[in-house]
Amino acid sequence: LSDKEWQDKFYKTPERKEVKETAEQAGLQNQGDARDWQTWKQSAEAFTAGKTNEAVEQTGATKLSPLAKNVAKAKLQSILSEADKAATQYPKKNLAAAEYSEAGLKAAIKAAVFGEGVDSIDQITTEKAFGTAPTANREAECKTENGGKGTKTALASLSCVCHTPNSNPVTGGVCTQKLATLTGWSANGNQPTAPNLQTLAKSCGETTGQTLTTKRIRAAIRRLRELIHIDWATNGYLGTFVTAGCSGQSSSGACVEFTNMVTTHKGALSQLPWINKVSSIADKLEELKQAAALAKSINAKIISCKDQATAQLKTAEQLAAAIQAASQGTGNGLKSPSKTTETDAT
């Protein structure tokens, strides 16, 4: 609907075979903003020589008379403004980034549970599960103080809670009978092996086919928090605590120690790096859900504006004809004042 002078600004030559690359080249650097230029450029590209825009052709816009174009522009102004306002409400964050993709989210949850770079249980290693191989005694590694390696992944924490110690074990296994056969772990000389960790991971079972949602993740985190108890003096514990640390032995306990949780009032789960990662995944899923709902609403608004604009374009010629007839004193029963008859005056 724009006049020829405006349209010519976007093309490199009068033949309109190529569109200028920047607003500066078009002499429009002080008109609109960066988003306007991209929209204008795309529109210009759609009308380069030899191209036909079927959607626009169907509205009849390209065949309107000059007066009809002016009528249409006046009618479309508020509609286009409304559509433009809706378009600015799209989420600004790049939700198409790899970290928001299905593959990215799956990789993140596996990293939190099994360790970085682990795609399946048979790829689990001691180093990946614990960040680096645990070198201190079990009670030192299974605490949040000083970055205990038993806090790095869900599997490492599970190992602190369920792994058999190398001496004075709980009869029948800490968590299940099958785990009683694992090679004992208490010190760096007998740290959990990859096969042992893989067996431990398999003991959790599978949830294949269940959709991972923000609601399910946050519910699981709440349930985990409910399992953390305190010794009424200093620390919090996940798992069985008897006394004097989480060595895995029946006389002390198989657990993860949340050091000074009571005295410093620290949030227990915030001290587990892997829980922070899982919480981040829940946040991303929520962002995607909200963005999808918002985009659906915005798209519906823009489609409504498009339909309104199309309707206005299709009636523009008729309105232009009525305006022209009225200005000439003909059509629609209108008469020129100079032709007023005696009867009319009466």
C-alpha atoms as a PDB file:
ATOM      1  CA  LEU A   1       0.000   0.000   0.000  1.00  0.00           C
ATOM      2  CA  SER A   2       3.025   2.297   0.334  1.00  0.00           C
ATOM      3  CA  ASP A   3       3.777   4.793  -2.391  1.00  0.00           C
ATOM      4  CA  LYS A   4       6.470   4.125  -4.990  1.00  0.00           C
ATOM      5  CA  GLU A   5       8.955   6.537  -3.430  1.00  0.00           C
ATOM      6  CA  TRP A   6       8.900   4.637  -0.136  1.00  0.00           C
ATOM      7  CA  GLN A   7       9.104   1.230  -1.786  1.00  0.00           C
ATOM      8  CA  ASP A   8      12.078   2.244  -3.950  1.00  0.00           C
ATOM      9  CA  LYS A   9      14.134   3.000  -0.828  1.00  0.00           C
ATOM     10  CA  PHE A  10      14.490  -0.724  -0.149  1.00  0.00           C
ATOM     11  CA  TYR A  11      15.886  -1.812  -3.505  1.00  0.00           C
ATOM     12  CA  LYS A  12      19.359  -1.436  -4.965  1.00  0.00           C
ATOM     13  CA  THR A  13      18.086  -0.671  -8.475  1.00  0.00           C
ATOM     14  CA  PRO A  14      14.813   0.447 -10.079  1.00  0.00           C
ATOM     15  CA  GLU A  15      14.387  -3.105 -11.386  1.00  0.00           C
ATOM     16  CA  ARG A  16      13.910  -4.265  -7.752  1.00  0.00           C
ATOM     17  CA  LYS A  17      16.020  -7.376  -8.123  1.00  0.00           C
ATOM     18  CA  GLU A  18      17.963  -6.959  -4.865  1.00  0.00           C
ATOM     19  CA  VAL A  19      17.071  -5.549  -1.460  1.00  0.00           C
ATOM     20  CA  LYS A  20      19.442  -3.263   0.437  1.00  0.00           C
ATOM     21  CA  GLU A  21      21.137  -4.909   3.407  1.00  0.00           C
ATOM     22  CA  THR A  22      20.854  -2.214   6.064  1.00  0.00           C
ATOM     23  CA  ALA A  23      18.651   0.672   7.149  1.00  0.00           C
ATOM     24  CA  GLU A  24      21.629   2.960   6.539  1.00  0.00           C
ATOM     25  CA  GLN A  25      21.839   1.893   2.889  1.00  0.00           C
ATOM     26  CA  ALA A  26      18.124   2.591   2.530  1.00  0.00           C
ATOM     27  CA  GLY A  27      18.468   5.988   4.217  1.00  0.00           C
ATOM     28  CA  LEU A  28      16.130   4.862   6.992  1.00  0.00           C
ATOM     29  CA  GLN A  29      18.533   4.717   9.933  1.00  0.00           C
ATOM     30  CA  ASN A  30      16.490   7.209  11.954  1.00  0.00           C
ATOM     31  CA  GLN A  31      13.106   5.690  11.207  1.00  0.00           C
ATOM     32  CA  GLY A  32      11.701   2.853  13.309  1.00  0.00           C
ATOM     33  CA  ASP A  33      14.030   0.499  15.158  1.00  0.00           C
ATOM     34  CA  ALA A  34      16.069  -2.605  14.389  1.00  0.00           C
ATOM     35  CA  ARG A  35      12.987  -4.814  14.527  1.00  0.00           C
ATOM     36  CA  ASP A  36      11.125  -2.539  12.097  1.00  0.00           C
ATOM     37  CA  TRP A  37      13.979  -2.731   9.610  1.00  0.00           C
ATOM     38  CA  GLN A  38      14.002  -6.529   9.640  1.00  0.00           C
ATOM     39  CA  THR A  39      10.232  -6.586   9.080  1.00  0.00           C
ATOM     40  CA  TRP A  40      10.469  -4.039   6.282  1.00  0.00           C
ATOM     41  CA  LYS A  41      13.348  -5.882   4.663  1.00  0.00           C
ATOM     42  CA  GLN A  42      11.461  -9.195   4.676  1.00  0.00           C
ATOM     43  CA  SER A  43       8.447  -7.488   3.114  1.00  0.00           C
ATOM     44  CA  ALA A  44      10.623  -5.940   0.410  1.00  0.00           C
ATOM     45  CA  GLU A  45      12.237  -9.312  -0.320  1.00  0.00           C
ATOM     46  CA  ALA A  46       8.782 -10.805  -0.820  1.00  0.00           C
ATOM     47  CA  PHE A  47       8.149  -8.332  -3.646  1.00  0.00           C
ATOM     48  CA  THR A  48      11.429  -8.428  -5.551  1.00  0.00           C
ATOM     49  CA  ALA A  49      11.116  -8.640  -9.319  1.00  0.00           C
ATOM     50  CA  GLY A  50       9.601 -11.890 -10.494  1.00  0.00           C
ATOM     51  CA  LYS A  51       8.132 -12.868  -7.145  1.00  0.00           C
ATOM     52  CA  THR A  52       4.434 -13.182  -6.403  1.00  0.00           C
ATOM     53  CA  ASN A  53       3.068 -13.071  -2.874  1.00  0.00           C
ATOM     54  CA  GLU A  54      -0.001 -15.271  -3.082  1.00  0.00           C
ATOM     55  CA  ALA A  55      -1.371 -14.255   0.317  1.00  0.00           C
ATOM     56  CA  VAL A  56      -1.226 -10.560  -0.579  1.00  0.00           C
ATOM     57  CA  GLU A  57      -2.619 -11.194  -4.061  1.00  0.00           C
ATOM     58  CA  GLN A  58      -5.680 -12.863  -2.570  1.00  0.00           C
ATOM     59  CA  THR A  59      -6.520  -9.736  -0.564  1.00  0.00           C
ATOM     60  CA  GLY A  60      -6.647  -7.649  -3.737  1.00  0.00           C
ATOM     61  CA  ALA A  61      -4.235  -5.098  -2.229  1.00  0.00           C
ATOM     62  CA  THR A  62      -2.010  -4.963  -5.325  1.00  0.00           C
ATOM     63  CA  LYS A  63      -4.949  -3.991  -7.544  1.00  0.00           C
ATOM     64  CA  LEU A  64      -6.375  -1.187  -5.433  1.00  0.00           C
ATOM     65  CA  SER A  65      -6.745   2.282  -6.892  1.00  0.00           C
ATOM     66  CA  PRO A  66      -4.729   5.115  -5.305  1.00  0.00           C
ATOM     67  CA  LEU A  67      -7.786   6.343  -3.390  1.00  0.00           C
ATOM     68  CA  ALA A  68      -8.621   2.818  -2.211  1.00  0.00           C
ATOM     69  CA  LYS A  69      -5.033   2.397  -0.980  1.00  0.00           C
ATOM     70  CA  ASN A  70      -5.353   5.563   1.092  1.00  0.00           C
ATOM     71  CA  VAL A  71      -8.661   4.341   2.486  1.00  0.00           C
ATOM     72  CA  ALA A  72      -7.106   0.968   3.334  1.00  0.00           C
ATOM     73  CA  LYS A  73      -4.072   2.540   5.010  1.00  0.00           C
ATOM     74  CA  ALA A  74      -6.319   4.634   7.245  1.00  0.00           C
ATOM     75  CA  LYS A  75      -8.396   1.596   8.176  1.00  0.00           C
ATOM     76  CA  LEU A  76      -5.377  -0.654   8.757  1.00  0.00           C
ATOM     77  CA  GLN A  77      -3.389   1.729  10.947  1.00  0.00           C
ATOM     78  CA  SER A  78      -4.997   0.751  14.264  1.00  0.00           C
ATOM     79  CA  ILE A  79      -5.142  -2.940  13.320  1.00  0.00           C
ATOM     80  CA  LEU A  80      -1.448  -3.056  12.417  1.00  0.00           C
ATOM     81  CA  SER A  81      -0.567  -1.158  15.581  1.00  0.00           C
ATOM     82  CA  GLU A  82      -2.435  -3.760  17.618  1.00  0.00           C
ATOM     83  CA  ALA A  83      -0.650  -6.630  15.845  1.00  0.00           C
ATOM     84  CA  ASP A  84       2.719  -4.927  16.296  1.00  0.00           C
ATOM     85  CA  LYS A  85       2.072  -4.481  20.012  1.00  0.00           C
ATOM     86  CA  ALA A  86       1.190  -8.172  20.329  1.00  0.00           C
ATOM     87  CA  ALA A  87       4.384  -9.204  18.524  1.00  0.00           C
ATOM     88  CA  THR A  88       6.539  -7.315  21.046  1.00  0.00           C
ATOM     89  CA  GLN A  89       5.216  -9.569  23.810  1.00  0.00           C
ATOM     90  CA  TYR A  90       6.940 -12.714  22.547  1.00  0.00           C
ATOM     91  CA  PRO A  91       9.479 -14.081  25.102  1.00  0.00           C
ATOM     92  CA  LYS A  92      12.824 -12.306  24.796  1.00  0.00           C
ATOM     93  CA  LYS A  93      14.923 -15.239  26.018  1.00  0.00           C
ATOM     94  CA  ASN A  94      16.273 -17.557  23.345  1.00  0.00           C
ATOM     95  CA  LEU A  95      14.193 -20.646  24.089  1.00  0.00           C
ATOM     96  CA  ALA A  96      15.506 -22.214  20.899  1.00  0.00           C
ATOM     97  CA  ALA A  97      18.956 -22.511  22.517  1.00  0.00           C
ATOM     98  CA  ALA A  98      20.390 -26.027  22.827  1.00  0.00           C
ATOM     99  CA  GLU A  99      19.909 -26.088  26.607  1.00  0.00           C
ATOM    100  CA  TYR A 100      16.121 -25.800  26.097  1.00  0.00           C
ATOM    101  CA  SER A 101      15.931 -28.515  23.449  1.00  0.00           C
ATOM    102  CA  GLU A 102      14.727 -32.021  24.238  1.00  0.00           C
ATOM    103  CA  ALA A 103      18.250 -33.364  23.730  1.00  0.00           C
ATOM    104  CA  GLY A 104      19.736 -30.623  25.904  1.00  0.00           C
ATOM    105  CA  LEU A 105      17.298 -31.229  28.761  1.00  0.00           C
ATOM    106  CA  LYS A 106      17.823 -34.996  28.605  1.00  0.00           C
ATOM    107  CA  ALA A 107      21.593 -34.532  28.731  1.00  0.00           C
ATOM    108  CA  ALA A 108      21.234 -32.181  31.711  1.00  0.00           C
ATOM    109  CA  ILE A 109      19.084 -34.599  33.724  1.00  0.00           C
ATOM    110  CA  LYS A 110      21.451 -37.492  32.988  1.00  0.00           C
ATOM    111  CA  ALA A 111      24.411 -35.348  34.044  1.00  0.00           C
ATOM    112  CA  ALA A 112      22.691 -34.510  37.338  1.00  0.00           C
ATOM    113  CA  VAL A 113      21.844 -38.151  38.017  1.00  0.00           C
ATOM    114  CA  PHE A 114      24.823 -40.086  36.620  1.00  0.00           C
ATOM    115  CA  GLY A 115      27.518 -37.524  35.778  1.00  0.00           C
ATOM    116  CA  GLU A 116      28.630 -35.390  32.849  1.00  0.00           C
ATOM    117  CA  GLY A 117      28.722 -37.167  29.505  1.00  0.00           C
ATOM    118  CA  VAL A 118      26.843 -40.274  30.675  1.00  0.00           C
ATOM    119  CA  ASP A 119      24.121 -41.263  28.217  1.00  0.00           C
ATOM    120  CA  SER A 120      23.268 -44.715  29.588  1.00  0.00           C
ATOM    121  CA  ILE A 121      23.904 -46.764  32.722  1.00  0.00           C
ATOM    122  CA  ASP A 122      26.660 -48.836  31.116  1.00  0.00           C
ATOM    123  CA  GLN A 123      28.665 -45.618  30.610  1.00  0.00           C
ATOM    124  CA  ILE A 124      28.779 -44.823  34.333  1.00  0.00           C
ATOM    125  CA  THR A 125      32.265 -44.573  35.823  1.00  0.00           C
ATOM    126  CA  THR A 126      33.527 -43.708  39.290  1.00  0.00           C
ATOM    127  CA  GLU A 127      35.074 -40.478  38.037  1.00  0.00           C
ATOM    128  CA  LYS A 128      31.890 -39.314  36.287  1.00  0.00           C
ATOM    129  CA  ALA A 129      29.583 -40.186  39.175  1.00  0.00           C
ATOM    130  CA  PHE A 130      31.743 -38.450  41.795  1.00  0.00           C
ATOM    131  CA  GLY A 131      33.158 -35.678  39.611  1.00  0.00           C
ATOM    132  CA  THR A 132      36.596 -37.118  40.296  1.00  0.00           C
ATOM    133  CA  ALA A 133      37.406 -40.370  42.045  1.00  0.00           C
ATOM    134  CA  PRO A 134      36.781 -40.091  45.821  1.00  0.00           C
ATOM    135  CA  THR A 135      40.142 -40.101  47.593  1.00  0.00           C
ATOM    136  CA  ALA A 136      39.189 -39.399  51.212  1.00  0.00           C
ATOM    137  CA  ASN A 137      37.460 -41.747  53.635  1.00  0.00           C
ATOM    138  CA  ARG A 138      33.758 -42.324  52.996  1.00  0.00           C
ATOM    139  CA  GLU A 139      32.577 -40.159  55.905  1.00  0.00           C
ATOM    140  CA  ALA A 140      34.546 -37.209  54.474  1.00  0.00           C
ATOM    141  CA  GLU A 141      33.265 -37.703  50.937  1.00  0.00           C
ATOM    142  CA  CYS A 142      29.652 -38.161  52.036  1.00  0.00           C
ATOM    143  CA  LYS A 143      29.168 -34.693  53.487  1.00  0.00           C
ATOM    144  CA  THR A 144      28.416 -31.273  52.062  1.00  0.00           C
ATOM    145  CA  GLU A 145      31.335 -29.698  53.928  1.00  0.00           C
ATOM    146  CA  ASN A 146      34.438 -29.060  51.789  1.00  0.00           C
ATOM    147  CA  GLY A 147      32.654 -30.175  48.639  1.00  0.00           C
ATOM    148  CA  GLY A 148      32.334 -33.855  49.458  1.00  0.00           C
ATOM    149  CA  LYS A 149      32.261 -35.840  46.226  1.00  0.00           C
ATOM    150  CA  GLY A 150      29.239 -37.796  47.399  1.00  0.00           C
ATOM    151  CA  THR A 151      27.147 -34.690  46.747  1.00  0.00           C
ATOM    152  CA  LYS A 152      28.083 -34.253  43.063  1.00  0.00           C
ATOM    153  CA  THR A 153      25.417 -36.469  41.457  1.00  0.00           C
ATOM    154  CA  ALA A 154      22.296 -38.312  42.530  1.00  0.00           C
ATOM    155  CA  LEU A 155      24.131 -41.611  42.049  1.00  0.00           C
ATOM    156  CA  ALA A 156      27.041 -40.489  44.236  1.00  0.00           C
ATOM    157  CA  SER A 157      24.594 -39.520  46.998  1.00  0.00           C
ATOM    158  CA  LEU A 158      22.794 -42.844  46.570  1.00  0.00           C
ATOM    159  CA  SER A 159      26.136 -44.592  46.935  1.00  0.00           C
ATOM    160  CA  CYS A 160      26.675 -42.827  50.265  1.00  0.00           C
ATOM    161  CA  VAL A 161      23.233 -43.985  51.413  1.00  0.00           C
ATOM    162  CA  CYS A 162      23.152 -47.537  50.021  1.00  0.00           C
ATOM    163  CA  HIS A 163      26.684 -48.767  49.309  1.00  0.00           C
ATOM    164  CA  THR A 164      28.009 -51.602  51.434  1.00  0.00           C
ATOM    165  CA  PRO A 165      30.971 -50.656  53.682  1.00  0.00           C
ATOM    166  CA  ASN A 166      34.147 -52.742  53.713  1.00  0.00           C
ATOM    167  CA  SER A 167      33.695 -53.585  57.400  1.00  0.00           C
ATOM    168  CA  ASN A 168      30.897 -53.901  59.967  1.00  0.00           C
ATOM    169  CA  PRO A 169      28.105 -53.804  57.354  1.00  0.00           C
ATOM    170  CA  VAL A 170      24.379 -53.776  57.999  1.00  0.00           C
ATOM    171  CA  THR A 171      23.020 -57.314  57.716  1.00  0.00           C
ATOM    172  CA  GLY A 172      21.073 -57.869  54.500  1.00  0.00           C
ATOM    173  CA  GLY A 173      22.350 -54.728  52.782  1.00  0.00           C
ATOM    174  CA  VAL A 174      21.660 -51.099  53.567  1.00  0.00           C
ATOM    175  CA  CYS A 175      18.925 -50.488  50.977  1.00  0.00           C
ATOM    176  CA  THR A 176      18.272 -53.879  49.318  1.00  0.00           C
ATOM    177  CA  GLN A 177      19.536 -57.438  49.723  1.00  0.00           C
ATOM    178  CA  LYS A 178      21.101 -57.386  46.247  1.00  0.00           C
ATOM    179  CA  LEU A 179      23.307 -54.432  47.152  1.00  0.00           C
ATOM    180  CA  ALA A 180      24.837 -56.394  50.036  1.00  0.00           C
ATOM    181  CA  THR A 181      27.018 -58.140  47.445  1.00  0.00           C
ATOM    182  CA  LEU A 182      28.720 -54.921  46.313  1.00  0.00           C
ATOM    183  CA  THR A 183      32.410 -54.504  47.003  1.00  0.00           C
ATOM    184  CA  GLY A 184      32.673 -52.598  50.282  1.00  0.00           C
ATOM    185  CA  TRP A 185      33.474 -48.885  50.318  1.00  0.00           C
ATOM    186  CA  SER A 186      34.962 -47.016  53.230  1.00  0.00           C
ATOM    187  CA  ALA A 187      38.249 -45.514  52.096  1.00  0.00           C
ATOM    188  CA  ASN A 188      39.987 -44.394  48.921  1.00  0.00           C
ATOM    189  CA  GLY A 189      41.616 -47.781  48.558  1.00  0.00           C
ATOM    190  CA  ASN A 190      38.277 -49.482  48.013  1.00  0.00           C
ATOM    191  CA  GLN A 191      36.178 -46.764  46.379  1.00  0.00           C
ATOM    192  CA  PRO A 192      33.026 -47.735  44.438  1.00  0.00           C
ATOM    193  CA  THR A 193      33.860 -49.346  41.110  1.00  0.00           C
ATOM    194  CA  ALA A 194      32.066 -48.675  37.830  1.00  0.00           C
ATOM    195  CA  PRO A 195      30.315 -52.108  37.848  1.00  0.00           C
ATOM    196  CA  ASN A 196      29.171 -51.523  41.440  1.00  0.00           C
ATOM    197  CA  LEU A 197      27.790 -48.086  40.579  1.00  0.00           C
ATOM    198  CA  GLN A 198      26.015 -49.477  37.521  1.00  0.00           C
ATOM    199  CA  THR A 199      24.393 -52.156  39.703  1.00  0.00           C
ATOM    200  CA  LEU A 200      23.348 -49.461  42.159  1.00  0.00           C
ATOM    201  CA  ALA A 201      21.823 -47.374  39.349  1.00  0.00           C
ATOM    202  CA  LYS A 202      19.871 -50.359  38.022  1.00  0.00           C
ATOM    203  CA  SER A 203      18.424 -51.015  41.483  1.00  0.00           C
ATOM    204  CA  CYS A 204      16.331 -47.854  41.132  1.00  0.00           C
ATOM    205  CA  GLY A 205      14.219 -49.305  38.325  1.00  0.00           C
ATOM    206  CA  GLU A 206      12.989 -47.371  35.285  1.00  0.00           C
ATOM    207  CA  THR A 207      10.182 -44.952  34.486  1.00  0.00           C
ATOM    208  CA  THR A 208      10.250 -45.345  30.712  1.00  0.00           C
ATOM    209  CA  GLY A 209       7.280 -43.720  29.030  1.00  0.00           C
ATOM    210  CA  GLN A 210       6.537 -41.251  31.815  1.00  0.00           C
ATOM    211  CA  THR A 211       6.768 -37.632  30.745  1.00  0.00           C
ATOM    212  CA  LEU A 212       9.208 -35.541  32.741  1.00  0.00           C
ATOM    213  CA  THR A 213       7.361 -32.413  33.839  1.00  0.00           C
ATOM    214  CA  THR A 214       8.049 -29.479  36.127  1.00  0.00           C
ATOM    215  CA  LYS A 215       5.359 -30.740  38.490  1.00  0.00           C
ATOM    216  CA  ARG A 216       6.875 -34.222  38.761  1.00  0.00           C
ATOM    217  CA  ILE A 217      10.398 -32.906  39.254  1.00  0.00           C
ATOM    218  CA  ARG A 218       9.408 -30.474  41.989  1.00  0.00           C
ATOM    219  CA  ALA A 219       7.280 -33.107  43.721  1.00  0.00           C
ATOM    220  CA  ALA A 220      10.283 -35.468  43.745  1.00  0.00           C
ATOM    221  CA  ILE A 221      12.491 -32.732  45.207  1.00  0.00           C
ATOM    222  CA  ARG A 222       9.927 -32.086  47.955  1.00  0.00           C
ATOM    223  CA  ARG A 223       9.779 -35.794  48.791  1.00  0.00           C
ATOM    224  CA  LEU A 224      13.567 -35.923  48.989  1.00  0.00           C
ATOM    225  CA  ARG A 225      13.590 -32.941  51.341  1.00  0.00           C
ATOM    226  CA  GLU A 226      11.107 -34.718  53.596  1.00  0.00           C
ATOM    227  CA  LEU A 227      13.589 -37.584  53.977  1.00  0.00           C
ATOM    228  CA  ILE A 228      16.289 -35.339  55.444  1.00  0.00           C
ATOM    229  CA  HIS A 229      16.353 -35.470  59.248  1.00  0.00           C
ATOM    230  CA  ILE A 230      18.500 -33.793  61.888  1.00  0.00           C
ATOM    231  CA  ASP A 231      20.500 -34.942  64.901  1.00  0.00           C
ATOM    232  CA  TRP A 232      18.973 -32.115  66.996  1.00  0.00           C
ATOM    233  CA  ALA A 233      22.366 -30.513  67.441  1.00  0.00           C
ATOM    234  CA  THR A 234      24.315 -29.607  64.334  1.00  0.00           C
ATOM    235  CA  ASN A 235      23.823 -31.563  61.128  1.00  0.00           C
ATOM    236  CA  GLY A 236      21.151 -32.896  58.829  1.00  0.00           C
ATOM    237  CA  TYR A 237      21.223 -36.365  57.264  1.00  0.00           C
ATOM    238  CA  LEU A 238      19.821 -38.186  54.260  1.00  0.00           C
ATOM    239  CA  GLY A 239      19.798 -41.915  54.958  1.00  0.00           C
ATOM    240  CA  THR A 240      20.486 -43.821  58.159  1.00  0.00           C
ATOM    241  CA  PHE A 241      22.522 -42.008  60.812  1.00  0.00           C
ATOM    242  CA  VAL A 242      23.577 -43.617  64.083  1.00  0.00           C
ATOM    243  CA  THR A 243      26.558 -41.662  65.356  1.00  0.00           C
ATOM    244  CA  ALA A 244      29.882 -40.159  64.326  1.00  0.00           C
ATOM    245  CA  GLY A 245      29.724 -39.674  60.582  1.00  0.00           C
ATOM    246  CA  CYS A 246      28.489 -41.497  57.480  1.00  0.00           C
ATOM    247  CA  SER A 247      31.088 -44.249  57.154  1.00  0.00           C
ATOM    248  CA  GLY A 248      28.539 -46.818  55.969  1.00  0.00           C
ATOM    249  CA  GLN A 249      29.215 -49.079  58.932  1.00  0.00           C
ATOM    250  CA  SER A 250      26.319 -50.276  61.067  1.00  0.00           C
ATOM    251  CA  SER A 251      27.758 -48.500  64.098  1.00  0.00           C
ATOM    252  CA  SER A 252      27.795 -45.046  62.492  1.00  0.00           C
ATOM    253  CA  GLY A 253      25.420 -44.878  59.527  1.00  0.00           C
ATOM    254  CA  ALA A 254      25.078 -44.902  55.749  1.00  0.00           C
ATOM    255  CA  CYS A 255      24.095 -41.372  54.809  1.00  0.00           C
ATOM    256  CA  VAL A 256      24.860 -37.963  53.365  1.00  0.00           C
ATOM    257  CA  GLU A 257      25.718 -35.401  56.030  1.00  0.00           C
ATOM    258  CA  PHE A 258      24.469 -31.830  55.591  1.00  0.00           C
ATOM    259  CA  THR A 259      27.173 -30.242  57.693  1.00  0.00           C
ATOM    260  CA  ASN A 260      26.045 -27.504  60.110  1.00  0.00           C
ATOM    261  CA  MET A 261      22.560 -27.447  58.594  1.00  0.00           C
ATOM    262  CA  VAL A 262      20.988 -26.831  62.005  1.00  0.00           C
ATOM    263  CA  THR A 263      23.427 -24.226  63.298  1.00  0.00           C
ATOM    264  CA  THR A 264      23.764 -22.199  60.081  1.00  0.00           C
ATOM    265  CA  HIS A 265      20.137 -22.623  58.962  1.00  0.00           C
ATOM    266  CA  LYS A 266      21.278 -23.506  55.454  1.00  0.00           C
ATOM    267  CA  GLY A 267      18.739 -24.960  53.052  1.00  0.00           C
ATOM    268  CA  ALA A 268      19.670 -28.623  52.843  1.00  0.00           C
ATOM    269  CA  LEU A 269      18.992 -29.284  49.192  1.00  0.00           C
ATOM    270  CA  SER A 270      20.780 -26.145  48.018  1.00  0.00           C
ATOM    271  CA  GLN A 271      23.988 -27.792  49.243  1.00  0.00           C
ATOM    272  CA  LEU A 272      23.633 -30.622  46.728  1.00  0.00           C
ATOM    273  CA  PRO A 273      25.016 -29.547  43.324  1.00  0.00           C
ATOM    274  CA  TRP A 274      22.948 -32.155  41.510  1.00  0.00           C
ATOM    275  CA  ILE A 275      19.697 -30.915  43.058  1.00  0.00           C
ATOM    276  CA  ASN A 276      20.503 -27.404  41.864  1.00  0.00           C
ATOM    277  CA  LYS A 277      20.896 -28.810  38.340  1.00  0.00           C
ATOM    278  CA  VAL A 278      17.589 -30.669  38.550  1.00  0.00           C
ATOM    279  CA  SER A 279      15.847 -27.535  39.841  1.00  0.00           C
ATOM    280  CA  SER A 280      17.264 -25.616  36.885  1.00  0.00           C
ATOM    281  CA  ILE A 281      15.768 -28.205  34.522  1.00  0.00           C
ATOM    282  CA  ALA A 282      12.369 -27.787  36.199  1.00  0.00           C
ATOM    283  CA  ASP A 283      12.669 -24.023  35.741  1.00  0.00           C
ATOM    284  CA  LYS A 284      13.455 -24.432  32.041  1.00  0.00           C
ATOM    285  CA  LEU A 285      10.477 -26.744  31.518  1.00  0.00           C
ATOM    286  CA  GLU A 286       8.247 -24.175  33.220  1.00  0.00           C
ATOM    287  CA  GLU A 287       9.651 -21.413  31.009  1.00  0.00           C
ATOM    288  CA  LEU A 288       8.901 -23.486  27.914  1.00  0.00           C
ATOM    289  CA  LYS A 289       5.364 -24.219  29.107  1.00  0.00           C
ATOM    290  CA  GLN A 290       4.625 -20.567  29.838  1.00  0.00           C
ATOM    291  CA  ALA A 291       6.233 -19.437  26.587  1.00  0.00           C
ATOM    292  CA  ALA A 292       4.135 -21.907  24.589  1.00  0.00           C
ATOM    293  CA  ALA A 293       0.924 -20.627  26.195  1.00  0.00           C
ATOM    294  CA  LEU A 294       1.961 -17.016  25.619  1.00  0.00           C
ATOM    295  CA  ALA A 295       2.944 -17.664  22.004  1.00  0.00           C
ATOM    296  CA  LYS A 296      -0.397 -19.378  21.369  1.00  0.00           C
ATOM    297  CA  SER A 297      -2.251 -16.353  22.718  1.00  0.00           C
ATOM    298  CA  ILE A 298      -0.108 -13.901  20.726  1.00  0.00           C
ATOM    299  CA  ASN A 299      -0.451 -15.936  17.537  1.00  0.00           C
ATOM    300  CA  ALA A 300      -4.230 -15.985  17.931  1.00  0.00           C
ATOM    301  CA  LYS A 301      -4.221 -12.208  18.349  1.00  0.00           C
ATOM    302  CA  ILE A 302      -2.061 -11.683  15.259  1.00  0.00           C
ATOM    303  CA  ILE A 303      -4.242 -14.030  13.188  1.00  0.00           C
ATOM    304  CA  SER A 304      -7.300 -12.075  14.309  1.00  0.00           C
ATOM    305  CA  CYS A 305      -5.605  -8.834  13.225  1.00  0.00           C
ATOM    306  CA  LYS A 306      -4.708 -10.424   9.905  1.00  0.00           C
ATOM    307  CA  ASP A 307      -8.328 -11.435   9.307  1.00  0.00           C
ATOM    308  CA  GLN A 308      -9.522  -7.931  10.167  1.00  0.00           C
ATOM    309  CA  ALA A 309      -6.940  -6.383   7.840  1.00  0.00           C
ATOM    310  CA  THR A 310      -7.897  -8.720   5.000  1.00  0.00           C
ATOM    311  CA  ALA A 311     -11.563  -7.799   5.420  1.00  0.00           C
ATOM    312  CA  GLN A 312     -10.704  -4.093   5.283  1.00  0.00           C
ATOM    313  CA  LEU A 313      -8.602  -4.555   2.138  1.00  0.00           C
ATOM    314  CA  LYS A 314     -11.413  -6.367   0.372  1.00  0.00           C
ATOM    315  CA  THR A 315     -13.872  -3.536   1.061  1.00  0.00           C
ATOM    316  CA  ALA A 316     -11.436  -0.659   0.456  1.00  0.00           C
ATOM    317  CA  GLU A 317     -12.307  -0.265  -3.234  1.00  0.00           C
ATOM    318  CA  GLN A 318     -16.020  -0.163  -2.440  1.00  0.00           C
ATOM    319  CA  LEU A 319     -15.470   2.500   0.222  1.00  0.00           C
ATOM    320  CA  ALA A 320     -13.253   4.491  -2.137  1.00  0.00           C
ATOM    321  CA  ALA A 321     -15.974   4.410  -4.792  1.00  0.00           C
ATOM    322  CA  ALA A 322     -18.543   5.622  -2.267  1.00  0.00           C
ATOM    323  CA  ILE A 323     -16.249   8.460  -1.175  1.00  0.00           C
ATOM    324  CA  GLN A 324     -15.598   9.463  -4.774  1.00  0.00           C
ATOM    325  CA  ALA A 325     -19.304   9.355  -5.591  1.00  0.00           C
ATOM    326  CA  ALA A 326     -20.118  11.441  -2.541  1.00  0.00           C
ATOM    327  CA  SER A 327     -17.507  14.029  -3.456  1.00  0.00           C
ATOM    328  CA  GLN A 328     -19.062  14.280  -6.925  1.00  0.00           C
ATOM    329  CA  GLY A 329     -22.593  14.370  -5.578  1.00  0.00           C
ATOM    330  CA  THR A 330     -23.568  11.088  -7.261  1.00  0.00           C
ATOM    331  CA  GLY A 331     -24.345   7.606  -6.073  1.00  0.00           C
ATOM    332  CA  ASN A 332     -26.015   6.381  -2.906  1.00  0.00           C
ATOM    333  CA  GLY A 333     -28.810   8.923  -3.386  1.00  0.00           C
ATOM    334  CA  LEU A 334     -26.475  11.866  -2.846  1.00  0.00           C
ATOM    335  CA  LYS A 335     -27.083  14.981  -4.935  1.00  0.00           C
ATOM    336  CA  SER A 336     -25.023  18.044  -5.635  1.00  0.00           C
ATOM    337  CA  PRO A 337     -26.266  21.164  -3.814  1.00  0.00           C
ATOM    338  CA  SER A 338     -26.247  23.018  -7.145  1.00  0.00           C
ATOM    339  CA  LYS A 339     -28.910  20.642  -8.412  1.00  0.00           C
ATOM    340  CA  THR A 340     -31.277  21.077  -5.472  1.00  0.00           C
ATOM    341  CA  THR A 341     -34.821  21.378  -6.765  1.00  0.00           C
ATOM    342  CA  GLU A 342     -37.677  23.374  -5.387  1.00  0.00           C
ATOM    343  CA  THR A 343     -39.216  20.195  -4.051  1.00  0.00           C
ATOM    344  CA  ASP A 344     -35.970  19.285  -2.305  1.00  0.00           C
ATOM    345  CA  ALA A 345     -35.797  22.704  -0.704  1.00  0.00           C
ATOM    346  CA  THR A 346     -39.329  22.282   0.543  1.00  0.00           C
END
